[in-house]
PDB file of N, CA and C in Angstrom:
ATOM      1  N   UNK A   1      10.635 -20.654  73.729  1.00  0.00           N
ATOM      2  CA  UNK A   1      10.987 -21.145  72.615  1.00  0.00           C
ATOM      3  C   UNK A   1       9.588 -21.445  71.076  1.00  0.00           C
ATOM      4  N   UNK A   2       8.701 -21.483  72.256  1.00  0.00           N
ATOM      5  CA  UNK A   2       7.472 -21.589  71.537  1.00  0.00           C
ATOM      6  C   UNK A   2       7.323 -20.038  70.232  1.00  0.00           C
ATOM      7  N   UNK A   3       7.110 -19.379  71.257  1.00  0.00           N
ATOM      8  CA  UNK A   3       7.237 -17.349  70.659  1.00  0.00           C
ATOM      9  C   UNK A   3       8.257 -17.441  69.355  1.00  0.00           C
ATOM     10  N   UNK A   4       9.692 -18.171  69.358  1.00  0.00           N
ATOM     11  CA  UNK A   4      10.423 -18.526  68.192  1.00  0.00           C
ATOM     12  C   UNK A   4       9.335 -18.716  67.424  1.00  0.00           C
ATOM     13  N   UNK A   5       9.626 -20.261  67.608  1.00  0.00           N
ATOM     14  CA  UNK A   5       8.623 -20.997  66.057  1.00  0.00           C
ATOM     15  C   UNK A   5       6.531 -20.253  65.941  1.00  0.00           C
ATOM     16  N   UNK A   6       6.184 -19.532  66.646  1.00  0.00           N
ATOM     17  CA  UNK A   6       5.387 -18.723  66.600  1.00  0.00           C
ATOM     18  C   UNK A   6       5.800 -17.955  65.351  1.00  0.00           C
ATOM     19  N   UNK A   7       6.998 -16.884  65.570  1.00  0.00           N
ATOM     20  CA  UNK A   7       7.269 -16.133  64.864  1.00  0.00           C
ATOM     21  C   UNK A   7       7.830 -16.719  63.437  1.00  0.00           C
ATOM     22  N   UNK A   8       8.300 -17.442  63.431  1.00  0.00           N
ATOM     23  CA  UNK A   8       9.113 -18.440  62.195  1.00  0.00           C
ATOM     24  C   UNK A   8       7.521 -18.424  61.394  1.00  0.00           C
ATOM     25  N   UNK A   9       6.789 -18.955  61.701  1.00  0.00           N
ATOM     26  CA  UNK A   9       6.101 -20.065  61.518  1.00  0.00           C
ATOM     27  C   UNK A   9       5.193 -18.934  60.701  1.00  0.00           C
ATOM     28  N   UNK A  10       4.757 -17.481  61.269  1.00  0.00           N
ATOM     29  CA  UNK A  10       4.042 -16.363  61.336  1.00  0.00           C
ATOM     30  C   UNK A  10       4.559 -15.418  59.847  1.00  0.00           C
ATOM     31  N   UNK A  11       5.488 -15.644  60.268  1.00  0.00           N
ATOM     32  CA  UNK A  11       6.565 -14.909  58.578  1.00  0.00           C
ATOM     33  C   UNK A  11       6.438 -16.055  57.464  1.00  0.00           C
ATOM     34  N   UNK A  12       6.455 -17.568  58.050  1.00  0.00           N
ATOM     35  CA  UNK A  12       6.422 -18.435  56.766  1.00  0.00           C
ATOM     36  C   UNK A  12       4.963 -17.922  55.534  1.00  0.00           C
ATOM     37  N   UNK A  13       4.524 -17.792  56.872  1.00  0.00           N
ATOM     38  CA  UNK A  13       2.973 -17.323  56.192  1.00  0.00           C
ATOM     39  C   UNK A  13       2.516 -16.708  55.343  1.00  0.00           C
ATOM     40  N   UNK A  14       3.195 -15.422  55.874  1.00  0.00           N
ATOM     41  CA  UNK A  14       3.205 -13.975  55.419  1.00  0.00           C
ATOM     42  C   UNK A  14       3.613 -13.983  53.923  1.00  0.00           C
ATOM     43  N   UNK A  15       5.049 -15.232  53.911  1.00  0.00           N
ATOM     44  CA  UNK A  15       5.320 -15.435  53.363  1.00  0.00           C
ATOM     45  C   UNK A  15       5.253 -15.950  52.324  1.00  0.00           C
ATOM     46  N   UNK A  16       4.168 -16.791  52.262  1.00  0.00           N
ATOM     47  CA  UNK A  16       3.628 -18.022  51.243  1.00  0.00           C
ATOM     48  C   UNK A  16       2.482 -16.642  50.756  1.00  0.00           C
ATOM     49  N   UNK A  17       1.847 -16.471  51.528  1.00  0.00           N
ATOM     50  CA  UNK A  17       0.655 -15.055  51.162  1.00  0.00           C
ATOM     51  C   UNK A  17       1.091 -14.511  49.865  1.00  0.00           C
ATOM     52  N   UNK A  18       1.968 -13.459  50.334  1.00  0.00           N
ATOM     53  CA  UNK A  18       2.457 -13.231  49.342  1.00  0.00           C
ATOM     54  C   UNK A  18       3.204 -13.682  47.676  1.00  0.00           C
ATOM     55  N   UNK A  19       4.095 -14.595  47.782  1.00  0.00           N
ATOM     56  CA  UNK A  19       3.972 -15.349  47.036  1.00  0.00           C
ATOM     57  C   UNK A  19       2.489 -15.403  46.036  1.00  0.00           C
ATOM     58  N   UNK A  20       1.538 -16.096  47.026  1.00  0.00           N
ATOM     59  CA  UNK A  20      -0.448 -16.556  46.267  1.00  0.00           C
ATOM     60  C   UNK A  20      -0.483 -14.821  45.993  1.00  0.00           C
ATOM     61  N   UNK A  21      -0.467 -14.153  46.546  1.00  0.00           N
ATOM     62  CA  UNK A  21      -0.809 -13.031  45.864  1.00  0.00           C
ATOM     63  C   UNK A  21      -0.497 -12.039  44.832  1.00  0.00           C
ATOM     64  N   UNK A  22       1.084 -12.771  44.419  1.00  0.00           N
ATOM     65  CA  UNK A  22       2.070 -11.951  43.009  1.00  0.00           C
ATOM     66  C   UNK A  22       1.753 -13.342  42.231  1.00  0.00           C
ATOM     67  N   UNK A  23       1.285 -14.606  42.104  1.00  0.00           N
ATOM     68  CA  UNK A  23       1.218 -15.620  42.149  1.00  0.00           C
ATOM     69  C   UNK A  23      -0.499 -15.035  40.667  1.00  0.00           C
ATOM     70  N   UNK A  24      -1.216 -14.485  41.762  1.00  0.00           N
ATOM     71  CA  UNK A  24      -2.158 -13.970  40.919  1.00  0.00           C
ATOM     72  C   UNK A  24      -1.982 -12.743  40.255  1.00  0.00           C
ATOM     73  N   UNK A  25      -1.560 -12.291  40.799  1.00  0.00           N
ATOM     74  CA  UNK A  25      -1.556 -11.335  39.953  1.00  0.00           C
ATOM     75  C   UNK A  25      -0.274 -11.636  38.474  1.00  0.00           C
ATOM     76  N   UNK A  26       0.102 -12.395  38.465  1.00  0.00           N
ATOM     77  CA  UNK A  26       1.253 -12.756  37.685  1.00  0.00           C
ATOM     78  C   UNK A  26      -0.333 -13.830  36.552  1.00  0.00           C
ATOM     79  N   UNK A  27      -0.695 -14.400  36.779  1.00  0.00           N
ATOM     80  CA  UNK A  27      -1.893 -14.511  36.065  1.00  0.00           C
ATOM     81  C   UNK A  27      -2.916 -13.929  35.241  1.00  0.00           C
ATOM     82  N   UNK A  28      -3.131 -13.085  36.110  1.00  0.00           N
ATOM     83  CA  UNK A  28      -3.724 -11.946  35.750  1.00  0.00           C
ATOM     84  C   UNK A  28      -3.368 -11.019  34.614  1.00  0.00           C
ATOM     85  N   UNK A  29      -2.028 -10.886  34.602  1.00  0.00           N
ATOM     86  CA  UNK A  29      -0.631 -10.004  34.032  1.00  0.00           C
ATOM     87  C   UNK A  29      -1.038 -11.520  32.974  1.00  0.00           C
ATOM     88  N   UNK A  30      -0.943 -12.607  32.847  1.00  0.00           N
ATOM     89  CA  UNK A  30      -1.028 -13.423  31.276  1.00  0.00           C
ATOM     90  C   UNK A  30      -1.748 -13.413  30.712  1.00  0.00           C
ATOM     91  N   UNK A  31      -3.251 -13.568  31.621  1.00  0.00           N
ATOM     92  CA  UNK A  31      -4.213 -13.569  30.449  1.00  0.00           C
ATOM     93  C   UNK A  31      -4.619 -12.324  30.185  1.00  0.00           C
ATOM     94  N   UNK A  32      -4.034 -11.086  30.513  1.00  0.00           N
ATOM     95  CA  UNK A  32      -4.606  -9.766  29.959  1.00  0.00           C
ATOM     96  C   UNK A  32      -3.343  -9.587  28.373  1.00  0.00           C
ATOM     97  N   UNK A  33      -2.093 -10.399  28.561  1.00  0.00           N
ATOM     98  CA  UNK A  33      -1.187 -10.159  27.834  1.00  0.00           C
ATOM     99  C   UNK A  33      -1.701 -11.055  26.802  1.00  0.00           C
ATOM    100  N   UNK A  34      -2.515 -12.717  26.707  1.00  0.00           N
ATOM    101  CA  UNK A  34      -3.173 -13.628  26.236  1.00  0.00           C
ATOM    102  C   UNK A  34      -4.296 -12.765  25.163  1.00  0.00           C
ATOM    103  N   UNK A  35      -4.752 -12.075  25.929  1.00  0.00           N
ATOM    104  CA  UNK A  35      -5.974 -11.357  25.689  1.00  0.00           C
ATOM    105  C   UNK A  35      -5.890 -10.082  24.334  1.00  0.00           C
ATOM    106  N   UNK A  36      -4.326  -9.525  24.710  1.00  0.00           N
ATOM    107  CA  UNK A  36      -3.716  -8.183  24.486  1.00  0.00           C
ATOM    108  C   UNK A  36      -3.182  -9.021  22.939  1.00  0.00           C
ATOM    109  N   UNK A  37      -2.286  -9.840  22.563  1.00  0.00           N
ATOM    110  CA  UNK A  37      -2.199 -11.057  21.322  1.00  0.00           C
ATOM    111  C   UNK A  37      -2.826 -11.354  20.554  1.00  0.00           C
ATOM    112  N   UNK A  38      -4.279 -11.965  21.096  1.00  0.00           N
ATOM    113  CA  UNK A  38      -5.288 -12.929  20.202  1.00  0.00           C
ATOM    114  C   UNK A  38      -5.571 -11.073  19.613  1.00  0.00           C
ATOM    115  N   UNK A  39      -6.426  -9.652  20.137  1.00  0.00           N
ATOM    116  CA  UNK A  39      -6.696  -8.703  19.783  1.00  0.00           C
ATOM    117  C   UNK A  39      -5.375  -7.857  18.557  1.00  0.00           C
ATOM    118  N   UNK A  40      -4.413  -8.491  19.245  1.00  0.00           N
ATOM    119  CA  UNK A  40      -3.344  -8.084  17.600  1.00  0.00           C
ATOM    120  C   UNK A  40      -3.369  -8.287  16.772  1.00  0.00           C
ATOM    121  N   UNK A  41      -3.676 -10.249  17.249  1.00  0.00           N
ATOM    122  CA  UNK A  41      -3.413 -11.041  16.098  1.00  0.00           C
ATOM    123  C   UNK A  41      -4.952 -10.578  14.977  1.00  0.00           C
ATOM    124  N   UNK A  42      -5.824 -10.304  15.250  1.00  0.00           N
ATOM    125  CA  UNK A  42      -6.847 -10.022  15.217  1.00  0.00           C
ATOM    126  C   UNK A  42      -6.943  -8.928  14.264  1.00  0.00           C
ATOM    127  N   UNK A  43      -6.129  -7.310  14.192  1.00  0.00           N
ATOM    128  CA  UNK A  43      -6.118  -6.433  13.783  1.00  0.00           C
ATOM    129  C   UNK A  43      -4.684  -7.319  13.058  1.00  0.00           C
ATOM    130  N   UNK A  44      -3.950  -7.773  13.124  1.00  0.00           N
ATOM    131  CA  UNK A  44      -3.162  -8.009  11.379  1.00  0.00           C
ATOM    132  C   UNK A  44      -4.101  -8.457  10.468  1.00  0.00           C
ATOM    133  N   UNK A  45      -4.463  -9.249  10.984  1.00  0.00           N
ATOM    134  CA  UNK A  45      -5.677 -10.182  10.200  1.00  0.00           C
ATOM    135  C   UNK A  45      -6.504  -9.046   9.066  1.00  0.00           C
ATOM    136  N   UNK A  46      -6.717  -8.096   9.671  1.00  0.00           N
ATOM    137  CA  UNK A  46      -7.742  -6.949   9.010  1.00  0.00           C
ATOM    138  C   UNK A  46      -7.416  -5.785   8.403  1.00  0.00           C
ATOM    139  N   UNK A  47      -5.793  -5.785   9.169  1.00  0.00           N
ATOM    140  CA  UNK A  47      -4.662  -5.250   7.998  1.00  0.00           C
ATOM    141  C   UNK A  47      -4.046  -5.745   7.287  1.00  0.00           C
ATOM    142  N   UNK A  48      -3.478  -7.037   7.147  1.00  0.00           N
ATOM    143  CA  UNK A  48      -3.463  -7.631   5.983  1.00  0.00           C
ATOM    144  C   UNK A  48      -5.083  -7.880   5.129  1.00  0.00           C
ATOM    145  N   UNK A  49      -5.719  -7.783   5.189  1.00  0.00           N
ATOM    146  CA  UNK A  49      -6.817  -7.328   4.285  1.00  0.00           C
ATOM    147  C   UNK A  49      -6.596  -6.309   3.891  1.00  0.00           C
ATOM    148  N   UNK A  50      -7.315  -5.451   4.596  1.00  0.00           N
ATOM    149  CA  UNK A  50      -6.971  -4.391   3.854  1.00  0.00           C
ATOM    150  C   UNK A  50      -6.074  -4.174   2.592  1.00  0.00           C
ATOM    151  N   UNK A  51      -4.614  -4.805   3.196  1.00  0.00           N
ATOM    152  CA  UNK A  51      -3.410  -4.361   2.495  1.00  0.00           C
ATOM    153  C   UNK A  51      -4.068  -5.267   1.133  1.00  0.00           C
ATOM    154  N   UNK A  52      -4.843  -6.349   1.320  1.00  0.00           N
ATOM    155  CA  UNK A  52      -4.699  -7.093  -0.238  1.00  0.00           C
ATOM    156  C   UNK A  52      -5.897  -6.448  -1.088  1.00  0.00           C
ATOM    157  N   UNK A  53      -6.640  -6.226  -0.356  1.00  0.00           N
ATOM    158  CA  UNK A  53      -7.201  -5.071  -0.902  1.00  0.00           C
ATOM    159  C   UNK A  53      -7.208  -3.673  -2.369  1.00  0.00           C
ATOM    160  N   UNK A  54      -6.131  -3.352  -1.434  1.00  0.00           N
ATOM    161  CA  UNK A  54      -5.405  -2.015  -1.932  1.00  0.00           C
ATOM    162  C   UNK A  54      -4.532  -2.341  -3.191  1.00  0.00           C
ATOM    163  N   UNK A  55      -4.093  -3.507  -2.735  1.00  0.00           N
ATOM    164  CA  UNK A  55      -3.065  -3.660  -3.549  1.00  0.00           C
ATOM    165  C   UNK A  55      -4.172  -4.198  -4.843  1.00  0.00           C
ATOM    166  N   UNK A  56      -5.138  -4.812  -4.729  1.00  0.00           N
ATOM    167  CA  UNK A  56      -6.550  -4.992  -5.886  1.00  0.00           C
ATOM    168  C   UNK A  56      -6.249  -3.968  -6.675  1.00  0.00           C
ATOM    169  N   UNK A  57      -6.789  -2.924  -6.043  1.00  0.00           N
ATOM    170  CA  UNK A  57      -7.163  -1.819  -6.013  1.00  0.00           C
ATOM    171  C   UNK A  57      -6.142  -1.378  -7.250  1.00  0.00           C
ATOM    172  N   UNK A  58      -4.612  -1.071  -6.799  1.00  0.00           N
ATOM    173  CA  UNK A  58      -4.699  -0.381  -7.113  1.00  0.00           C
ATOM    174  C   UNK A  58      -3.314  -1.002  -8.784  1.00  0.00           C
ATOM    175  N   UNK A  59      -4.169  -2.320  -8.593  1.00  0.00           N
ATOM    176  CA  UNK A  59      -3.555  -2.971 -10.010  1.00  0.00           C
ATOM    177  C   UNK A  59      -4.630  -2.699 -11.201  1.00  0.00           C
ATOM    178  N   UNK A  60      -5.548  -2.341 -10.614  1.00  0.00           N
ATOM    179  CA  UNK A  60      -6.656  -2.341 -11.677  1.00  0.00           C
ATOM    180  C   UNK A  60      -6.866  -0.945 -12.207  1.00  0.00           C
ATOM    181  N   UNK A  61      -6.305   0.033 -10.896  1.00  0.00           N
ATOM    182  CA  UNK A  61      -6.190   1.924 -11.115  1.00  0.00           C
ATOM    183  C   UNK A  61      -4.778   1.518 -12.576  1.00  0.00           C
ATOM    184  N   UNK A  62      -3.586   1.075 -12.235  1.00  0.00           N
ATOM    185  CA  UNK A  62      -2.672   0.422 -12.906  1.00  0.00           C
ATOM    186  C   UNK A  62      -3.112   0.040 -14.793  1.00  0.00           C
ATOM    187  N   UNK A  63      -4.165  -1.428 -14.304  1.00  0.00           N
ATOM    188  CA  UNK A  63      -4.373  -0.847 -15.763  1.00  0.00           C
ATOM    189  C   UNK A  63      -5.713  -0.482 -16.999  1.00  0.00           C
ATOM    190  N   UNK A  64      -6.252   0.240 -15.724  1.00  0.00           N
ATOM    191  CA  UNK A  64      -7.419   1.360 -16.708  1.00  0.00           C
ATOM    192  C   UNK A  64      -6.546   2.115 -17.153  1.00  0.00           C
ATOM    193  N   UNK A  65      -4.913   3.057 -16.560  1.00  0.00           N
ATOM    194  CA  UNK A  65      -4.237   3.486 -16.939  1.00  0.00           C
ATOM    195  C   UNK A  65      -3.700   3.405 -18.022  1.00  0.00           C
ATOM    196  N   UNK A  66      -3.139   1.908 -18.105  1.00  0.00           N
ATOM    197  CA  UNK A  66      -2.581   1.843 -19.178  1.00  0.00           C
ATOM    198  C   UNK A  66      -3.230   1.406 -20.414  1.00  0.00           C
ATOM    199  N   UNK A  67      -4.454   1.399 -20.604  1.00  0.00           N
ATOM    200  CA  UNK A  67      -5.688   1.135 -21.271  1.00  0.00           C
ATOM    201  C   UNK A  67      -5.939   2.976 -22.131  1.00  0.00           C
ATOM    202  N   UNK A  68      -5.960   3.361 -20.913  1.00  0.00           N
ATOM    203  CA  UNK A  68      -6.274   4.860 -21.166  1.00  0.00           C
ATOM    204  C   UNK A  68      -5.256   5.632 -22.055  1.00  0.00           C
ATOM    205  N   UNK A  69      -4.160   5.617 -21.484  1.00  0.00           N
ATOM    206  CA  UNK A  69      -2.311   6.092 -22.482  1.00  0.00           C
ATOM    207  C   UNK A  69      -2.446   4.973 -23.415  1.00  0.00           C
ATOM    208  N   UNK A  70      -3.008   4.056 -24.339  1.00  0.00           N
ATOM    209  CA  UNK A  70      -3.161   3.466 -24.777  1.00  0.00           C
ATOM    210  C   UNK A  70      -4.125   3.974 -25.913  1.00  0.00           C
ATOM    211  N   UNK A  71      -5.345   4.412 -25.813  1.00  0.00           N
ATOM    212  CA  UNK A  71      -5.930   4.629 -26.373  1.00  0.00           C
ATOM    213  C   UNK A  71      -5.985   6.411 -26.412  1.00  0.00           C
ATOM    214  N   UNK A  72      -5.228   7.323 -25.501  1.00  0.00           N
ATOM    215  CA  UNK A  72      -4.818   8.822 -25.922  1.00  0.00           C
ATOM    216  C   UNK A  72      -4.164   8.534 -26.954  1.00  0.00           C
ATOM    217  N   UNK A  73      -3.222   7.652 -26.658  1.00  0.00           N
ATOM    218  CA  UNK A  73      -1.156   7.186 -28.216  1.00  0.00           C
ATOM    219  C   UNK A  73      -2.918   7.173 -29.059  1.00  0.00           C
ATOM    220  N   UNK A  74      -3.358   5.853 -28.568  1.00  0.00           N
ATOM    221  CA  UNK A  74      -3.877   5.609 -30.796  1.00  0.00           C
ATOM    222  C   UNK A  74      -5.276   6.818 -31.150  1.00  0.00           C
ATOM    223  N   UNK A  75      -5.662   7.704 -30.448  1.00  0.00           N
ATOM    224  CA  UNK A  75      -6.130   9.099 -31.161  1.00  0.00           C
ATOM    225  C   UNK A  75      -5.135  10.233 -31.534  1.00  0.00           C
ATOM    226  N   UNK A  76      -4.583  10.182 -30.545  1.00  0.00           N
ATOM    227  CA  UNK A  76      -3.311  11.391 -31.296  1.00  0.00           C
ATOM    228  C   UNK A  76      -2.652  11.116 -32.540  1.00  0.00           C
ATOM    229  N   UNK A  77      -2.286   9.547 -32.655  1.00  0.00           N
ATOM    230  CA  UNK A  77      -1.530   9.509 -33.633  1.00  0.00           C
ATOM    231  C   UNK A  77      -2.277   9.490 -34.731  1.00  0.00           C
ATOM    232  N   UNK A  78      -3.488   9.065 -34.491  1.00  0.00           N
ATOM    233  CA  UNK A  78      -4.292   9.209 -35.744  1.00  0.00           C
ATOM    234  C   UNK A  78      -5.183  10.511 -35.891  1.00  0.00           C
ATOM    235  N   UNK A  79      -5.080  11.215 -34.985  1.00  0.00           N
ATOM    236  CA  UNK A  79      -5.088  13.499 -35.296  1.00  0.00           C
ATOM    237  C   UNK A  79      -4.008  13.758 -36.197  1.00  0.00           C
ATOM    238  N   UNK A  80      -2.910  13.243 -35.385  1.00  0.00           N
ATOM    239  CA  UNK A  80      -1.729  13.639 -36.352  1.00  0.00           C
ATOM    240  C   UNK A  80      -1.564  13.155 -37.470  1.00  0.00           C
ATOM    241  N   UNK A  81      -1.994  11.854 -37.341  1.00  0.00           N
ATOM    242  CA  UNK A  81      -1.761  11.634 -39.396  1.00  0.00           C
ATOM    243  C   UNK A  81      -2.978  12.602 -40.198  1.00  0.00           C
ATOM    244  N   UNK A  82      -3.853  12.729 -39.391  1.00  0.00           N
ATOM    245  CA  UNK A  82      -4.676  12.961 -40.964  1.00  0.00           C
ATOM    246  C   UNK A  82      -4.509  14.901 -40.632  1.00  0.00           C
ATOM    247  N   UNK A  83      -4.130  15.334 -39.283  1.00  0.00           N
ATOM    248  CA  UNK A  83      -3.467  17.066 -39.782  1.00  0.00           C
ATOM    249  C   UNK A  83      -2.495  16.725 -40.589  1.00  0.00           C
ATOM    250  N   UNK A  84      -1.926  15.400 -40.654  1.00  0.00           N
ATOM    251  CA  UNK A  84      -0.453  15.595 -41.282  1.00  0.00           C
ATOM    252  C   UNK A  84      -1.302  15.578 -43.037  1.00  0.00           C
ATOM    253  N   UNK A  85      -2.498  14.746 -43.018  1.00  0.00           N
ATOM    254  CA  UNK A  85      -2.690  14.448 -44.496  1.00  0.00           C
ATOM    255  C   UNK A  85      -3.091  15.915 -45.093  1.00  0.00           C
ATOM    256  N   UNK A  86      -3.976  16.145 -43.960  1.00  0.00           N
ATOM    257  CA  UNK A  86      -4.694  17.803 -44.698  1.00  0.00           C
ATOM    258  C   UNK A  86      -3.516  18.715 -44.989  1.00  0.00           C
ATOM    259  N   UNK A  87      -2.231  19.062 -44.174  1.00  0.00           N
ATOM    260  CA  UNK A  87      -1.505  19.790 -44.666  1.00  0.00           C
ATOM    261  C   UNK A  87      -0.184  19.293 -45.461  1.00  0.00           C
ATOM    262  N   UNK A  88       0.069  18.287 -45.515  1.00  0.00           N
ATOM    263  CA  UNK A  88       1.674  18.376 -46.004  1.00  0.00           C
ATOM    264  C   UNK A  88       1.035  18.795 -47.567  1.00  0.00           C
ATOM    265  N   UNK A  89      -0.243  18.843 -48.594  1.00  0.00           N
ATOM    266  CA  UNK A  89       0.141  18.588 -49.440  1.00  0.00           C
ATOM    267  C   UNK A  89       0.045  20.552 -49.917  1.00  0.00           C
ATOM    268  N   UNK A  90      -0.356  21.223 -48.752  1.00  0.00           N
ATOM    269  CA  UNK A  90      -0.452  22.631 -48.924  1.00  0.00           C
ATOM    270  C   UNK A  90       0.752  23.446 -48.745  1.00  0.00           C
ATOM    271  N   UNK A  91       1.649  22.261 -47.806  1.00  0.00           N
ATOM    272  CA  UNK A  91       3.014  22.595 -47.110  1.00  0.00           C
ATOM    273  C   UNK A  91       4.251  22.805 -48.465  1.00  0.00           C
ATOM    274  N   UNK A  92       3.978  21.578 -49.374  1.00  0.00           N
ATOM    275  CA  UNK A  92       5.328  21.973 -50.262  1.00  0.00           C
ATOM    276  C   UNK A  92       4.678  22.918 -51.389  1.00  0.00           C
ATOM    277  N   UNK A  93       3.651  23.755 -51.362  1.00  0.00           N
ATOM    278  CA  UNK A  93       3.248  24.330 -52.254  1.00  0.00           C
ATOM    279  C   UNK A  93       3.589  25.731 -51.862  1.00  0.00           C
ATOM    280  N   UNK A  94       3.093  25.527 -50.417  1.00  0.00           N
ATOM    281  CA  UNK A  94       3.114  27.511 -49.523  1.00  0.00           C
ATOM    282  C   UNK A  94       4.861  27.118 -49.356  1.00  0.00           C
ATOM    283  N   UNK A  95       5.706  26.555 -49.867  1.00  0.00           N
ATOM    284  CA  UNK A  95       7.141  26.347 -49.017  1.00  0.00           C
ATOM    285  C   UNK A  95       8.000  26.600 -50.498  1.00  0.00           C
ATOM    286  N   UNK A  96       7.188  26.310 -51.328  1.00  0.00           N
ATOM    287  CA  UNK A  96       8.054  26.937 -53.146  1.00  0.00           C
ATOM    288  C   UNK A  96       7.445  28.699 -53.557  1.00  0.00           C
ATOM    289  N   UNK A  97       6.461  28.765 -52.965  1.00  0.00           N
ATOM    290  CA  UNK A  97       5.734  29.863 -53.352  1.00  0.00           C
ATOM    291  C   UNK A  97       6.628  30.819 -52.234  1.00  0.00           C
ATOM    292  N   UNK A  98       7.376  30.082 -51.209  1.00  0.00           N
ATOM    293  CA  UNK A  98       8.056  31.637 -50.132  1.00  0.00           C
ATOM    294  C   UNK A  98       8.938  31.311 -50.810  1.00  0.00           C
ATOM    295  N   UNK A  99       9.897  30.512 -51.959  1.00  0.00           N
ATOM    296  CA  UNK A  99      10.747  30.920 -52.592  1.00  0.00           C
ATOM    297  C   UNK A  99      11.657  29.281 -51.921  1.00  0.00           C
ATOM    298  N   UNK A 100      11.780  27.949 -51.654  1.00  0.00           N
ATOM    299  CA  UNK A 100      12.334  27.545 -51.174  1.00  0.00           C
ATOM    300  C   UNK A 100      11.887  26.452 -52.389  1.00  0.00           C
ATOM    301  N   UNK A 101      13.228  25.646 -52.799  1.00  0.00           N
ATOM    302  CA  UNK A 101      13.018  25.464 -54.360  1.00  0.00           C
ATOM    303  C   UNK A 101      13.129  23.670 -53.984  1.00  0.00           C
ATOM    304  N   UNK A 102      14.056  23.291 -52.955  1.00  0.00           N
ATOM    305  CA  UNK A 102      14.128  22.216 -52.727  1.00  0.00           C
ATOM    306  C   UNK A 102      13.604  21.796 -51.742  1.00  0.00           C
ATOM    307  N   UNK A 103      12.077  21.246 -51.907  1.00  0.00           N
ATOM    308  CA  UNK A 103      10.997  21.098 -51.155  1.00  0.00           C
ATOM    309  C   UNK A 103      11.026  19.724 -50.885  1.00  0.00           C
ATOM    310  N   UNK A 104      10.485  18.663 -49.970  1.00  0.00           N
ATOM    311  CA  UNK A 104      10.328  17.229 -49.547  1.00  0.00           C
ATOM    312  C   UNK A 104       9.721  17.348 -48.347  1.00  0.00           C
ATOM    313  N   UNK A 105       8.400  16.696 -48.610  1.00  0.00           N
ATOM    314  CA  UNK A 105       7.480  16.418 -47.550  1.00  0.00           C
ATOM    315  C   UNK A 105       7.535  14.972 -47.274  1.00  0.00           C
ATOM    316  N   UNK A 106       8.331  14.648 -46.148  1.00  0.00           N
ATOM    317  CA  UNK A 106       8.013  13.459 -44.971  1.00  0.00           C
ATOM    318  C   UNK A 106       7.186  12.905 -44.734  1.00  0.00           C
ATOM    319  N   UNK A 107       6.286  11.600 -45.641  1.00  0.00           N
ATOM    320  CA  UNK A 107       5.394  10.305 -44.070  1.00  0.00           C
ATOM    321  C   UNK A 107       5.594   9.993 -43.412  1.00  0.00           C
ATOM    322  N   UNK A 108       4.993   9.746 -42.454  1.00  0.00           N
ATOM    323  CA  UNK A 108       5.021   8.587 -41.468  1.00  0.00           C
ATOM    324  C   UNK A 108       4.539   7.412 -41.423  1.00  0.00           C
ATOM    325  N   UNK A 109       3.920   7.264 -43.378  1.00  0.00           N
ATOM    326  CA  UNK A 109       3.028   5.878 -43.032  1.00  0.00           C
ATOM    327  C   UNK A 109       3.922   4.697 -42.601  1.00  0.00           C
TER     328      UNK A 109
END
């Protein structure tokens, strides 16, 4: 009977050793997972900061485009009025010479 008991004890010891190895492996896996989570959080913070900077740059670019549009519109409007002022007096006379009797030039002032 001592042999049977020794066999059982030996199997239990092997089982306990197996469990101990698995626990060590699980702890190592948990440590690695915790480190990966930490790295992901750090990476996410960097990504969030980059997105914030990109959003800010887009806002600045949009503002620059808006201001440029205003300047271009003002310039083209002023240029258009200038050309109208130069052409309209001659346009009436030109049209009458071409045979149009009812000529009326409208200004957008």
